[in-house]
Amino acid sequence: MRLSGEVLVSERLGAERTVHVRTGAGVLAVRVDAGIHLTPGDPVVLRAPTSALTFFGPGGDRLDLP
């Protein structure tokens, strides 16, 4: 998967940072190493193998994809 987007929020949580990114597919929450410094407005490109992703339905339930 590869998506371009813009950082909305970047919050350090211990050894990780949670980053909310606005993309063409919607807003995604991404966990990255806390040493990666991102600020709102920064452009980013997200890349990850599909096997590393977790999907949730509209009600917040985890979706088990084949």
C-alpha atoms as a PDB file:
ATOM      1  CA  MET A   1       0.000   0.000   0.000  1.00  0.00           C
ATOM      2  CA  ARG A   2       1.184   3.527  -0.793  1.00  0.00           C
ATOM      3  CA  LEU A   3      -0.727   6.720   0.091  1.00  0.00           C
ATOM      4  CA  SER A   4       0.239  10.386   0.100  1.00  0.00           C
ATOM      5  CA  GLY A   5      -1.160  12.687   2.732  1.00  0.00           C
ATOM      6  CA  GLU A   6      -0.766  15.538   5.192  1.00  0.00           C
ATOM      7  CA  VAL A   7      -0.055  15.287   8.925  1.00  0.00           C
ATOM      8  CA  LEU A   8      -2.985  16.492  11.042  1.00  0.00           C
ATOM      9  CA  VAL A   9      -1.753  15.503  14.530  1.00  0.00           C
ATOM     10  CA  SER A  10       1.514  14.058  15.823  1.00  0.00           C
ATOM     11  CA  GLU A  11       1.566  12.801  19.427  1.00  0.00           C
ATOM     12  CA  ARG A  12       4.506  11.163  21.199  1.00  0.00           C
ATOM     13  CA  LEU A  13       3.486   8.206  23.359  1.00  0.00           C
ATOM     14  CA  GLY A  14       6.601   6.743  24.975  1.00  0.00           C
ATOM     15  CA  ALA A  15       8.791   4.953  22.432  1.00  0.00           C
ATOM     16  CA  GLU A  16       6.216   5.513  19.661  1.00  0.00           C
ATOM     17  CA  ARG A  17       4.466   8.423  18.043  1.00  0.00           C
ATOM     18  CA  THR A  18       0.865   8.291  16.798  1.00  0.00           C
ATOM     19  CA  VAL A  19       0.384  10.365  13.668  1.00  0.00           C
ATOM     20  CA  HIS A  20      -3.005  11.163  12.132  1.00  0.00           C
ATOM     21  CA  VAL A  21      -2.698  11.659   8.382  1.00  0.00           C
ATOM     22  CA  ARG A  22      -5.326  13.020   5.968  1.00  0.00           C
ATOM     23  CA  THR A  23      -5.212  10.981   2.736  1.00  0.00           C
ATOM     24  CA  GLY A  24      -7.472  10.515  -0.266  1.00  0.00           C
ATOM     25  CA  ALA A  25      -8.784   7.383   1.488  1.00  0.00           C
ATOM     26  CA  GLY A  26      -9.680   9.299   4.678  1.00  0.00           C
ATOM     27  CA  VAL A  27      -7.843  10.022   7.924  1.00  0.00           C
ATOM     28  CA  LEU A  28      -5.481   7.260   9.037  1.00  0.00           C
ATOM     29  CA  ALA A  29      -3.774   6.771  12.402  1.00  0.00           C
ATOM     30  CA  VAL A  30      -0.198   5.549  12.020  1.00  0.00           C
ATOM     31  CA  ARG A  31       2.310   4.398  14.675  1.00  0.00           C
ATOM     32  CA  VAL A  32       5.938   5.334  14.038  1.00  0.00           C
ATOM     33  CA  ASP A  33       9.151   5.503  16.059  1.00  0.00           C
ATOM     34  CA  ALA A  34       9.119   8.436  18.504  1.00  0.00           C
ATOM     35  CA  GLY A  35      12.365   9.702  16.945  1.00  0.00           C
ATOM     36  CA  ILE A  36      10.531  10.605  13.742  1.00  0.00           C
ATOM     37  CA  HIS A  37       9.527  14.248  14.151  1.00  0.00           C
ATOM     38  CA  LEU A  38       6.420  15.267  12.197  1.00  0.00           C
ATOM     39  CA  THR A  39       4.337  18.391  12.628  1.00  0.00           C
ATOM     40  CA  PRO A  40       0.851  19.311  11.394  1.00  0.00           C
ATOM     41  CA  GLY A  41       0.943  20.313   7.742  1.00  0.00           C
ATOM     42  CA  ASP A  42       3.942  18.133   6.857  1.00  0.00           C
ATOM     43  CA  PRO A  43       3.469  16.154   3.618  1.00  0.00           C
ATOM     44  CA  VAL A  44       4.081  12.411   4.017  1.00  0.00           C
ATOM     45  CA  VAL A  45       4.022   9.249   1.934  1.00  0.00           C
ATOM     46  CA  LEU A  46       2.798   6.147   3.764  1.00  0.00           C
ATOM     47  CA  ARG A  47       4.059   2.746   2.631  1.00  0.00           C
ATOM     48  CA  ALA A  48       3.385  -0.604   4.261  1.00  0.00           C
ATOM     49  CA  PRO A  49       2.775  -4.213   3.270  1.00  0.00           C
ATOM     50  CA  THR A  50      -0.903  -5.111   3.539  1.00  0.00           C
ATOM     51  CA  SER A  51      -0.004  -7.821   6.083  1.00  0.00           C
ATOM     52  CA  ALA A  52       1.162  -5.080   8.493  1.00  0.00           C
ATOM     53  CA  LEU A  53      -2.162  -3.205   8.421  1.00  0.00           C
ATOM     54  CA  THR A  54      -5.165  -3.514  10.743  1.00  0.00           C
ATOM     55  CA  PHE A  55      -8.600  -2.520   9.437  1.00  0.00           C
ATOM     56  CA  PHE A  56     -11.642  -1.430  11.462  1.00  0.00           C
ATOM     57  CA  GLY A  57     -15.279  -1.117  10.439  1.00  0.00           C
ATOM     58  CA  PRO A  58     -17.503   1.937  10.981  1.00  0.00           C
ATOM     59  CA  GLY A  59     -18.538   0.648  14.436  1.00  0.00           C
ATOM     60  CA  GLY A  60     -14.930   0.244  15.568  1.00  0.00           C
ATOM     61  CA  ASP A  61     -14.841  -3.546  15.231  1.00  0.00           C
ATOM     62  CA  ARG A  62     -11.693  -5.090  13.795  1.00  0.00           C
ATOM     63  CA  LEU A  63     -12.193  -6.513  10.311  1.00  0.00           C
ATOM     64  CA  ASP A  64     -10.607  -9.892   9.552  1.00  0.00           C
ATOM     65  CA  LEU A  65      -9.635  -9.787   5.892  1.00  0.00           C
ATOM     66  CA  PRO A  66      -8.684 -12.879   3.902  1.00  0.00           C
END
